[in-house]
Amino acid sequence: MRNTKANWRAGLIAAAASTTMAVSAAVAAPAQAASPGELQIRGGIECHFGQKGSTWNNLWYQVRWMTVVNIGGTTMRNVTLQEINGPRVTVREIKPGQSMSHWNNKTKRWQRPIETRWTGCVPTSISGYTWGDTYDDLGNNFGFWRTDIQRPANPNVPPPAGSS
């Protein structure tokens, strides 16, 4: 008789435990996993014109730059930004929503990890790529930016033969 009571008691405990687990699973919200990290390369070329009274080296200059932003949901580690035929910058981690760039209070502007300043605004380009320790979508890990000086065609000169 003892054996039957013990089996019956164990069965009740098991049924109560499974009922409790089922109810708590039904009531609790499903767990939301963070989306994976996602690196996105950004860059550009800016032409700046100095103000009256500027020194000659600040009169007319361009800035070529690139940076990386983590647009994903988890921290990306050991992130490298490589300019093609140029410098390479590596940071230990970029948290979600953060960038390799940082605000420089002294100069009151964004400081980018890869940045080149040239006197004058001539046609130029900058290109590069990024990667980290974790695989992510490679579609936005390469970037290319350029400036073009576009002059409208002179309406008095006929176009060259074969052009449309």
N, C-alpha and C. Protein backbone atom coordinates (compact mmCIF):
# COMPACT_ATOMS: atom_id res chain seq x y z
N MET A 1 0.81 -1.19 0.00
CA MET A 1 0.00 0.00 0.00
C MET A 1 0.86 1.26 0.00
N ARG A 2 1.98 1.18 0.73
CA ARG A 2 2.87 2.33 0.75
C ARG A 2 3.39 2.64 -0.64
N ASN A 3 3.75 1.64 -1.36
CA ASN A 3 4.28 1.82 -2.68
C ASN A 3 3.26 2.50 -3.58
N THR A 4 2.01 2.16 -3.48
CA THR A 4 0.97 2.75 -4.29
C THR A 4 0.77 4.20 -3.92
N LYS A 5 0.79 4.53 -2.61
CA LYS A 5 0.66 5.92 -2.17
C LYS A 5 1.84 6.75 -2.67
N ALA A 6 3.04 6.20 -2.59
CA ALA A 6 4.23 6.94 -3.04
C ALA A 6 4.17 7.19 -4.54
N ASN A 7 3.73 6.19 -5.30
CA ASN A 7 3.61 6.37 -6.74
C ASN A 7 2.55 7.40 -7.09
N TRP A 8 1.44 7.31 -6.34
CA TRP A 8 0.35 8.24 -6.58
C TRP A 8 0.80 9.67 -6.25
N ARG A 9 1.52 9.87 -5.13
CA ARG A 9 2.03 11.19 -4.72
C ARG A 9 3.03 11.72 -5.76
N ALA A 10 3.92 10.88 -6.23
CA ALA A 10 4.90 11.30 -7.24
C ALA A 10 4.20 11.70 -8.53
N GLY A 11 3.15 10.97 -8.89
CA GLY A 11 2.39 11.31 -10.09
C GLY A 11 1.71 12.65 -9.96
N LEU A 12 1.13 12.93 -8.78
CA LEU A 12 0.50 14.23 -8.55
C LEU A 12 1.52 15.37 -8.63
N ILE A 13 2.69 15.17 -8.04
CA ILE A 13 3.74 16.20 -8.07
C ILE A 13 4.19 16.45 -9.50
N ALA A 14 4.36 15.39 -10.26
CA ALA A 14 4.78 15.54 -11.66
C ALA A 14 3.71 16.25 -12.47
N ALA A 15 2.43 15.91 -12.23
CA ALA A 15 1.33 16.57 -12.95
C ALA A 15 1.25 18.04 -12.58
N ALA A 16 1.43 18.36 -11.30
CA ALA A 16 1.39 19.75 -10.86
C ALA A 16 2.54 20.54 -11.46
N ALA A 17 3.73 19.93 -11.50
CA ALA A 17 4.89 20.61 -12.07
C ALA A 17 4.70 20.87 -13.56
N SER A 18 4.21 19.89 -14.28
CA SER A 18 4.02 20.09 -15.72
C SER A 18 2.91 21.10 -16.00
N THR A 19 1.87 21.12 -15.16
CA THR A 19 0.80 22.11 -15.32
C THR A 19 1.34 23.51 -15.06
N THR A 20 2.17 23.64 -14.01
CA THR A 20 2.77 24.95 -13.69
C THR A 20 3.64 25.43 -14.83
N MET A 21 4.45 24.54 -15.40
CA MET A 21 5.32 24.92 -16.51
C MET A 21 4.51 25.32 -17.73
N ALA A 22 3.43 24.58 -18.02
CA ALA A 22 2.60 24.89 -19.18
C ALA A 22 1.92 26.24 -19.02
N VAL A 23 1.40 26.51 -17.82
CA VAL A 23 0.73 27.79 -17.59
C VAL A 23 1.72 28.95 -17.68
N SER A 24 2.91 28.79 -17.07
CA SER A 24 3.90 29.87 -17.11
C SER A 24 4.40 30.11 -18.52
N ALA A 25 4.51 29.06 -19.33
CA ALA A 25 4.94 29.22 -20.72
C ALA A 25 3.88 29.94 -21.53
N ALA A 26 2.61 29.69 -21.24
CA ALA A 26 1.52 30.34 -21.97
C ALA A 26 1.40 31.80 -21.59
N VAL A 27 1.68 32.13 -20.32
CA VAL A 27 1.52 33.50 -19.83
C VAL A 27 2.73 34.35 -20.19
N ALA A 28 3.94 33.81 -20.12
CA ALA A 28 5.16 34.58 -20.37
C ALA A 28 5.27 34.94 -21.84
N ALA A 29 5.81 36.13 -22.11
CA ALA A 29 6.03 36.57 -23.49
C ALA A 29 7.20 35.78 -24.07
N PRO A 30 7.16 35.51 -25.36
CA PRO A 30 8.28 34.79 -25.95
C PRO A 30 9.56 35.63 -25.88
N ALA A 31 10.68 34.97 -25.71
CA ALA A 31 11.96 35.66 -25.61
C ALA A 31 12.32 36.29 -26.95
N GLN A 32 12.83 37.50 -26.90
CA GLN A 32 13.23 38.20 -28.11
C GLN A 32 14.76 38.19 -28.18
N ALA A 33 15.28 37.51 -29.14
CA ALA A 33 16.73 37.47 -29.31
C ALA A 33 17.18 38.73 -30.02
N ALA A 34 18.33 39.26 -29.64
CA ALA A 34 18.87 40.45 -30.30
C ALA A 34 19.26 40.09 -31.73
N SER A 35 19.02 41.03 -32.63
CA SER A 35 19.43 40.78 -34.01
C SER A 35 20.95 40.78 -34.08
N PRO A 36 21.52 40.10 -35.04
CA PRO A 36 22.99 40.05 -35.11
C PRO A 36 23.57 41.41 -35.46
N GLY A 37 24.86 41.56 -35.18
CA GLY A 37 25.55 42.79 -35.55
C GLY A 37 25.59 42.94 -37.06
N GLU A 38 25.62 44.16 -37.52
CA GLU A 38 25.62 44.42 -38.96
C GLU A 38 26.46 45.67 -39.22
N LEU A 39 27.58 45.51 -39.90
CA LEU A 39 28.46 46.63 -40.20
C LEU A 39 28.02 47.30 -41.49
N GLN A 40 28.04 48.64 -41.47
CA GLN A 40 27.72 49.42 -42.67
C GLN A 40 28.81 50.47 -42.84
N ILE A 41 29.43 50.48 -44.01
CA ILE A 41 30.47 51.48 -44.29
C ILE A 41 29.81 52.75 -44.79
N ARG A 42 30.34 53.89 -44.35
CA ARG A 42 29.84 55.19 -44.80
C ARG A 42 31.03 56.06 -45.15
N GLY A 43 30.83 56.97 -46.08
CA GLY A 43 31.92 57.84 -46.47
C GLY A 43 31.45 58.97 -47.34
N GLY A 44 32.39 59.77 -47.77
CA GLY A 44 32.03 60.89 -48.62
C GLY A 44 33.21 61.78 -48.91
N ILE A 45 32.96 62.76 -49.78
CA ILE A 45 33.95 63.77 -50.12
C ILE A 45 33.25 65.11 -50.00
N GLU A 46 33.82 65.99 -49.20
CA GLU A 46 33.22 67.30 -48.96
C GLU A 46 34.17 68.39 -49.44
N CYS A 47 33.63 69.38 -50.10
CA CYS A 47 34.42 70.53 -50.54
C CYS A 47 34.04 71.71 -49.65
N HIS A 48 35.05 72.37 -49.08
CA HIS A 48 34.82 73.48 -48.16
C HIS A 48 35.48 74.74 -48.71
N PHE A 49 34.78 75.85 -48.56
CA PHE A 49 35.30 77.15 -48.97
C PHE A 49 35.48 78.00 -47.72
N GLY A 50 36.68 78.58 -47.58
CA GLY A 50 36.99 79.38 -46.41
C GLY A 50 36.27 80.72 -46.43
N GLN A 51 36.28 81.38 -45.29
CA GLN A 51 35.66 82.69 -45.16
C GLN A 51 36.70 83.79 -45.41
N LYS A 52 36.24 85.00 -45.58
CA LYS A 52 37.13 86.14 -45.75
C LYS A 52 38.09 86.20 -44.57
N GLY A 53 39.36 86.40 -44.84
CA GLY A 53 40.35 86.46 -43.78
C GLY A 53 40.99 85.12 -43.46
N SER A 54 40.56 84.03 -44.12
CA SER A 54 41.15 82.71 -43.89
C SER A 54 42.56 82.66 -44.44
N THR A 55 43.39 81.82 -43.86
CA THR A 55 44.71 81.60 -44.42
C THR A 55 44.58 80.83 -45.73
N TRP A 56 45.63 80.86 -46.55
CA TRP A 56 45.55 80.25 -47.87
C TRP A 56 45.25 78.76 -47.81
N ASN A 57 45.79 78.04 -46.80
CA ASN A 57 45.54 76.60 -46.74
C ASN A 57 44.12 76.28 -46.31
N ASN A 58 43.37 77.26 -45.81
CA ASN A 58 41.96 77.05 -45.45
C ASN A 58 41.00 77.71 -46.43
N LEU A 59 41.54 78.32 -47.48
CA LEU A 59 40.70 79.04 -48.41
C LEU A 59 39.77 78.11 -49.20
N TRP A 60 40.32 76.99 -49.65
CA TRP A 60 39.54 76.05 -50.46
C TRP A 60 40.15 74.68 -50.25
N TYR A 61 39.40 73.74 -49.66
CA TYR A 61 39.96 72.41 -49.39
C TYR A 61 38.84 71.36 -49.43
N GLN A 62 39.27 70.11 -49.57
CA GLN A 62 38.32 69.00 -49.57
C GLN A 62 38.72 67.99 -48.51
N VAL A 63 37.73 67.26 -48.03
CA VAL A 63 37.95 66.21 -47.04
C VAL A 63 37.35 64.92 -47.59
N ARG A 64 38.17 63.89 -47.66
CA ARG A 64 37.72 62.54 -48.04
C ARG A 64 37.66 61.74 -46.75
N TRP A 65 36.57 60.99 -46.52
CA TRP A 65 36.44 60.27 -45.25
C TRP A 65 35.65 58.98 -45.39
N MET A 66 35.90 58.07 -44.43
CA MET A 66 35.15 56.82 -44.31
C MET A 66 35.03 56.47 -42.83
N THR A 67 33.93 55.81 -42.50
CA THR A 67 33.72 55.31 -41.15
C THR A 67 32.85 54.05 -41.23
N VAL A 68 32.63 53.41 -40.09
CA VAL A 68 31.80 52.20 -40.01
C VAL A 68 30.79 52.40 -38.89
N VAL A 69 29.53 51.98 -39.13
CA VAL A 69 28.47 52.04 -38.14
C VAL A 69 27.92 50.63 -37.95
N ASN A 70 27.65 50.25 -36.70
CA ASN A 70 27.01 48.97 -36.41
C ASN A 70 25.51 49.21 -36.40
N ILE A 71 24.82 48.81 -37.46
CA ILE A 71 23.38 49.02 -37.55
C ILE A 71 22.61 47.80 -37.06
N GLY A 72 23.31 46.80 -36.55
CA GLY A 72 22.68 45.57 -36.05
C GLY A 72 22.35 45.66 -34.58
N GLY A 73 22.02 44.53 -33.98
CA GLY A 73 21.54 44.49 -32.60
C GLY A 73 22.53 43.97 -31.58
N THR A 74 23.71 43.50 -32.00
CA THR A 74 24.70 43.00 -31.04
C THR A 74 26.06 43.65 -31.32
N THR A 75 26.91 43.61 -30.33
CA THR A 75 28.24 44.22 -30.43
C THR A 75 29.09 43.47 -31.45
N MET A 76 29.76 44.23 -32.31
CA MET A 76 30.69 43.65 -33.28
C MET A 76 32.10 43.87 -32.74
N ARG A 77 32.92 42.82 -32.74
CA ARG A 77 34.27 42.89 -32.17
C ARG A 77 35.34 42.84 -33.26
N ASN A 78 36.48 43.46 -32.94
CA ASN A 78 37.64 43.49 -33.84
C ASN A 78 37.25 43.93 -35.24
N VAL A 79 36.68 45.12 -35.33
CA VAL A 79 36.20 45.68 -36.60
C VAL A 79 37.35 46.43 -37.28
N THR A 80 37.56 46.11 -38.54
CA THR A 80 38.60 46.75 -39.33
C THR A 80 37.98 47.53 -40.47
N LEU A 81 38.50 48.73 -40.70
CA LEU A 81 38.13 49.57 -41.84
C LEU A 81 39.39 49.76 -42.67
N GLN A 82 39.34 49.40 -43.94
CA GLN A 82 40.50 49.44 -44.83
C GLN A 82 40.20 50.33 -46.02
N GLU A 83 40.98 51.40 -46.21
CA GLU A 83 40.88 52.17 -47.44
C GLU A 83 41.69 51.44 -48.49
N ILE A 84 41.17 51.31 -49.70
CA ILE A 84 41.92 50.64 -50.76
C ILE A 84 43.14 51.51 -51.09
N ASN A 85 44.31 50.89 -51.03
CA ASN A 85 45.60 51.58 -51.22
C ASN A 85 45.79 52.71 -50.21
N GLY A 86 45.31 52.50 -48.99
CA GLY A 86 45.42 53.53 -47.97
C GLY A 86 45.52 52.94 -46.58
N PRO A 87 45.22 53.76 -45.57
CA PRO A 87 45.37 53.30 -44.18
C PRO A 87 44.33 52.27 -43.77
N ARG A 88 44.64 51.56 -42.68
CA ARG A 88 43.75 50.57 -42.08
C ARG A 88 43.58 50.95 -40.61
N VAL A 89 42.34 50.90 -40.11
CA VAL A 89 42.04 51.21 -38.72
C VAL A 89 41.27 50.03 -38.14
N THR A 90 41.65 49.58 -36.93
CA THR A 90 40.94 48.50 -36.25
C THR A 90 40.54 48.97 -34.86
N VAL A 91 39.29 48.70 -34.48
CA VAL A 91 38.81 49.00 -33.13
C VAL A 91 38.37 47.70 -32.48
N ARG A 92 38.45 47.66 -31.15
CA ARG A 92 38.13 46.42 -30.43
C ARG A 92 36.66 46.05 -30.51
N GLU A 93 35.77 47.04 -30.41
CA GLU A 93 34.34 46.73 -30.52
C GLU A 93 33.55 47.96 -30.90
N ILE A 94 32.42 47.70 -31.57
CA ILE A 94 31.44 48.73 -31.89
C ILE A 94 30.09 48.20 -31.41
N LYS A 95 29.49 48.91 -30.47
CA LYS A 95 28.19 48.50 -29.93
C LYS A 95 27.08 48.87 -30.90
N PRO A 96 25.89 48.26 -30.75
CA PRO A 96 24.77 48.57 -31.65
C PRO A 96 24.48 50.07 -31.68
N GLY A 97 24.34 50.60 -32.88
CA GLY A 97 24.03 52.02 -33.05
C GLY A 97 25.24 52.93 -32.97
N GLN A 98 26.41 52.41 -32.63
CA GLN A 98 27.60 53.25 -32.51
C GLN A 98 28.43 53.21 -33.80
N SER A 99 29.36 54.15 -33.86
CA SER A 99 30.20 54.32 -35.03
C SER A 99 31.67 54.36 -34.62
N MET A 100 32.55 54.17 -35.60
CA MET A 100 33.98 54.36 -35.36
C MET A 100 34.30 55.84 -35.16
N SER A 101 33.45 56.73 -35.68
CA SER A 101 33.67 58.17 -35.56
C SER A 101 33.35 58.64 -34.15
N HIS A 102 33.95 59.75 -33.75
CA HIS A 102 33.61 60.35 -32.46
C HIS A 102 33.64 61.87 -32.58
N TRP A 103 32.88 62.54 -31.72
CA TRP A 103 32.79 63.99 -31.72
C TRP A 103 34.02 64.57 -31.03
N ASN A 104 34.71 65.49 -31.69
CA ASN A 104 35.89 66.14 -31.14
C ASN A 104 35.45 67.51 -30.61
N ASN A 105 35.40 67.67 -29.28
CA ASN A 105 34.96 68.93 -28.67
C ASN A 105 35.91 70.08 -28.97
N LYS A 106 37.19 69.79 -29.12
CA LYS A 106 38.17 70.85 -29.37
C LYS A 106 37.95 71.51 -30.74
N THR A 107 37.75 70.68 -31.77
CA THR A 107 37.55 71.21 -33.12
C THR A 107 36.07 71.38 -33.47
N LYS A 108 35.18 70.90 -32.60
CA LYS A 108 33.72 71.00 -32.81
C LYS A 108 33.28 70.35 -34.12
N ARG A 109 33.77 69.14 -34.34
CA ARG A 109 33.36 68.40 -35.54
C ARG A 109 33.58 66.91 -35.31
N TRP A 110 32.99 66.10 -36.21
CA TRP A 110 33.17 64.65 -36.14
C TRP A 110 34.58 64.30 -36.59
N GLN A 111 35.23 63.43 -35.84
CA GLN A 111 36.55 62.92 -36.19
C GLN A 111 36.34 61.51 -36.75
N ARG A 112 36.67 61.33 -38.02
CA ARG A 112 36.46 60.03 -38.65
C ARG A 112 37.75 59.22 -38.60
N PRO A 113 37.63 57.87 -38.57
CA PRO A 113 38.83 57.03 -38.46
C PRO A 113 39.75 57.14 -39.67
N ILE A 114 39.18 57.28 -40.87
CA ILE A 114 39.98 57.50 -42.07
C ILE A 114 39.52 58.82 -42.66
N GLU A 115 40.45 59.76 -42.72
CA GLU A 115 40.12 61.11 -43.17
C GLU A 115 41.35 61.72 -43.81
N THR A 116 41.19 62.28 -45.00
CA THR A 116 42.28 62.93 -45.71
C THR A 116 41.83 64.32 -46.11
N ARG A 117 42.69 65.30 -45.92
CA ARG A 117 42.37 66.69 -46.27
C ARG A 117 43.37 67.16 -47.32
N TRP A 118 42.82 67.72 -48.41
CA TRP A 118 43.65 68.24 -49.49
C TRP A 118 43.27 69.68 -49.78
N THR A 119 44.26 70.48 -50.16
CA THR A 119 43.99 71.85 -50.60
C THR A 119 43.35 71.79 -51.97
N GLY A 120 42.33 72.60 -52.19
CA GLY A 120 41.62 72.63 -53.46
C GLY A 120 40.53 71.58 -53.51
N CYS A 121 39.65 71.72 -54.50
CA CYS A 121 38.56 70.76 -54.69
C CYS A 121 38.65 70.22 -56.11
N VAL A 122 39.42 69.19 -56.28
CA VAL A 122 39.60 68.58 -57.59
C VAL A 122 38.88 67.24 -57.59
N PRO A 123 38.54 66.72 -58.76
CA PRO A 123 37.88 65.41 -58.79
C PRO A 123 38.74 64.35 -58.10
N THR A 124 38.13 63.60 -57.24
CA THR A 124 38.84 62.56 -56.50
C THR A 124 37.85 61.48 -56.11
N SER A 125 38.35 60.43 -55.49
CA SER A 125 37.49 59.35 -55.00
C SER A 125 38.10 58.74 -53.76
N ILE A 126 37.29 57.97 -53.05
CA ILE A 126 37.76 57.19 -51.91
C ILE A 126 36.94 55.90 -51.89
N SER A 127 37.58 54.80 -51.59
CA SER A 127 36.88 53.52 -51.53
C SER A 127 37.51 52.66 -50.46
N GLY A 128 36.73 51.72 -49.95
CA GLY A 128 37.24 50.84 -48.92
C GLY A 128 36.25 49.77 -48.55
N TYR A 129 36.61 48.98 -47.54
CA TYR A 129 35.75 47.90 -47.09
C TYR A 129 35.97 47.67 -45.60
N THR A 130 35.06 46.93 -44.98
CA THR A 130 35.11 46.67 -43.55
C THR A 130 34.77 45.22 -43.27
N TRP A 131 35.24 44.73 -42.12
CA TRP A 131 34.89 43.38 -41.65
C TRP A 131 35.15 43.31 -40.16
N GLY A 132 34.57 42.30 -39.52
CA GLY A 132 34.75 42.06 -38.10
C GLY A 132 34.89 40.57 -37.84
N ASP A 133 34.91 40.22 -36.54
CA ASP A 133 35.04 38.80 -36.16
C ASP A 133 33.80 37.98 -36.51
N THR A 134 32.65 38.62 -36.56
CA THR A 134 31.38 37.93 -36.80
C THR A 134 30.94 38.16 -38.24
N TYR A 135 30.51 37.08 -38.88
CA TYR A 135 30.00 37.19 -40.25
C TYR A 135 28.76 38.06 -40.26
N ASP A 136 28.66 38.97 -41.23
CA ASP A 136 27.45 39.75 -41.42
C ASP A 136 27.22 39.91 -42.92
N ASP A 137 26.10 40.51 -43.28
CA ASP A 137 25.74 40.70 -44.69
C ASP A 137 26.82 41.56 -45.35
N LEU A 138 27.46 41.04 -46.37
CA LEU A 138 28.57 41.74 -47.02
C LEU A 138 28.12 42.80 -48.02
N GLY A 139 26.81 42.90 -48.25
CA GLY A 139 26.30 43.83 -49.24
C GLY A 139 26.58 45.29 -48.93
N ASN A 140 26.77 45.64 -47.67
CA ASN A 140 27.03 47.03 -47.31
C ASN A 140 28.41 47.20 -46.64
N ASN A 141 29.32 46.28 -46.92
CA ASN A 141 30.66 46.35 -46.33
C ASN A 141 31.70 46.94 -47.29
N PHE A 142 31.29 47.33 -48.47
CA PHE A 142 32.19 47.97 -49.43
C PHE A 142 31.57 49.28 -49.85
N GLY A 143 32.40 50.33 -49.98
CA GLY A 143 31.88 51.63 -50.40
C GLY A 143 32.82 52.34 -51.35
N PHE A 144 32.25 53.17 -52.22
CA PHE A 144 33.00 53.96 -53.18
C PHE A 144 32.31 55.30 -53.33
N TRP A 145 33.08 56.38 -53.16
CA TRP A 145 32.53 57.74 -53.30
C TRP A 145 33.47 58.52 -54.20
N ARG A 146 32.91 59.43 -55.01
CA ARG A 146 33.74 60.24 -55.90
C ARG A 146 33.10 61.61 -56.12
N THR A 147 33.95 62.53 -56.56
CA THR A 147 33.46 63.84 -56.96
C THR A 147 33.64 63.93 -58.47
N ASP A 148 32.78 64.65 -59.08
CA ASP A 148 32.87 64.88 -60.52
C ASP A 148 32.69 66.37 -60.77
N ILE A 149 33.48 66.89 -61.63
CA ILE A 149 33.23 68.26 -62.09
C ILE A 149 32.45 68.10 -63.38
N GLN A 150 31.20 68.52 -63.35
CA GLN A 150 30.35 68.37 -64.52
C GLN A 150 30.13 69.76 -65.13
N ARG A 151 30.48 69.86 -66.37
CA ARG A 151 30.28 71.12 -67.08
C ARG A 151 29.21 70.87 -68.14
N PRO A 152 28.23 71.76 -68.21
CA PRO A 152 27.20 71.56 -69.24
C PRO A 152 27.82 71.71 -70.64
N ALA A 153 27.26 70.97 -71.56
CA ALA A 153 27.76 71.03 -72.94
C ALA A 153 27.53 72.42 -73.50
N ASN A 154 28.46 72.87 -74.30
CA ASN A 154 28.32 74.16 -74.97
C ASN A 154 27.34 73.98 -76.12
N PRO A 155 26.21 74.68 -76.09
CA PRO A 155 25.20 74.47 -77.14
C PRO A 155 25.68 74.90 -78.52
N ASN A 156 26.76 75.70 -78.61
CA ASN A 156 27.24 76.17 -79.91
C ASN A 156 28.18 75.17 -80.58
N VAL A 157 28.62 74.13 -79.85
CA VAL A 157 29.54 73.15 -80.42
C VAL A 157 28.76 71.86 -80.66
N PRO A 158 28.79 71.32 -81.90
CA PRO A 158 28.08 70.08 -82.15
C PRO A 158 28.72 68.92 -81.40
N PRO A 159 27.90 67.92 -80.99
CA PRO A 159 28.47 66.77 -80.29
C PRO A 159 29.38 65.97 -81.22
N PRO A 160 30.35 65.23 -80.63
CA PRO A 160 31.23 64.42 -81.47
C PRO A 160 30.44 63.34 -82.21
N ALA A 161 30.96 62.92 -83.35
CA ALA A 161 30.30 61.90 -84.16
C ALA A 161 30.17 60.61 -83.36
N GLY A 162 29.02 59.97 -83.43
CA GLY A 162 28.79 58.70 -82.76
C GLY A 162 28.26 58.85 -81.35
N SER A 163 28.14 60.06 -80.84
CA SER A 163 27.58 60.22 -79.49
C SER A 163 26.11 60.59 -79.61
N SER A 164 25.36 60.27 -78.61
CA SER A 164 23.94 60.59 -78.67
C SER A 164 23.51 61.40 -77.49
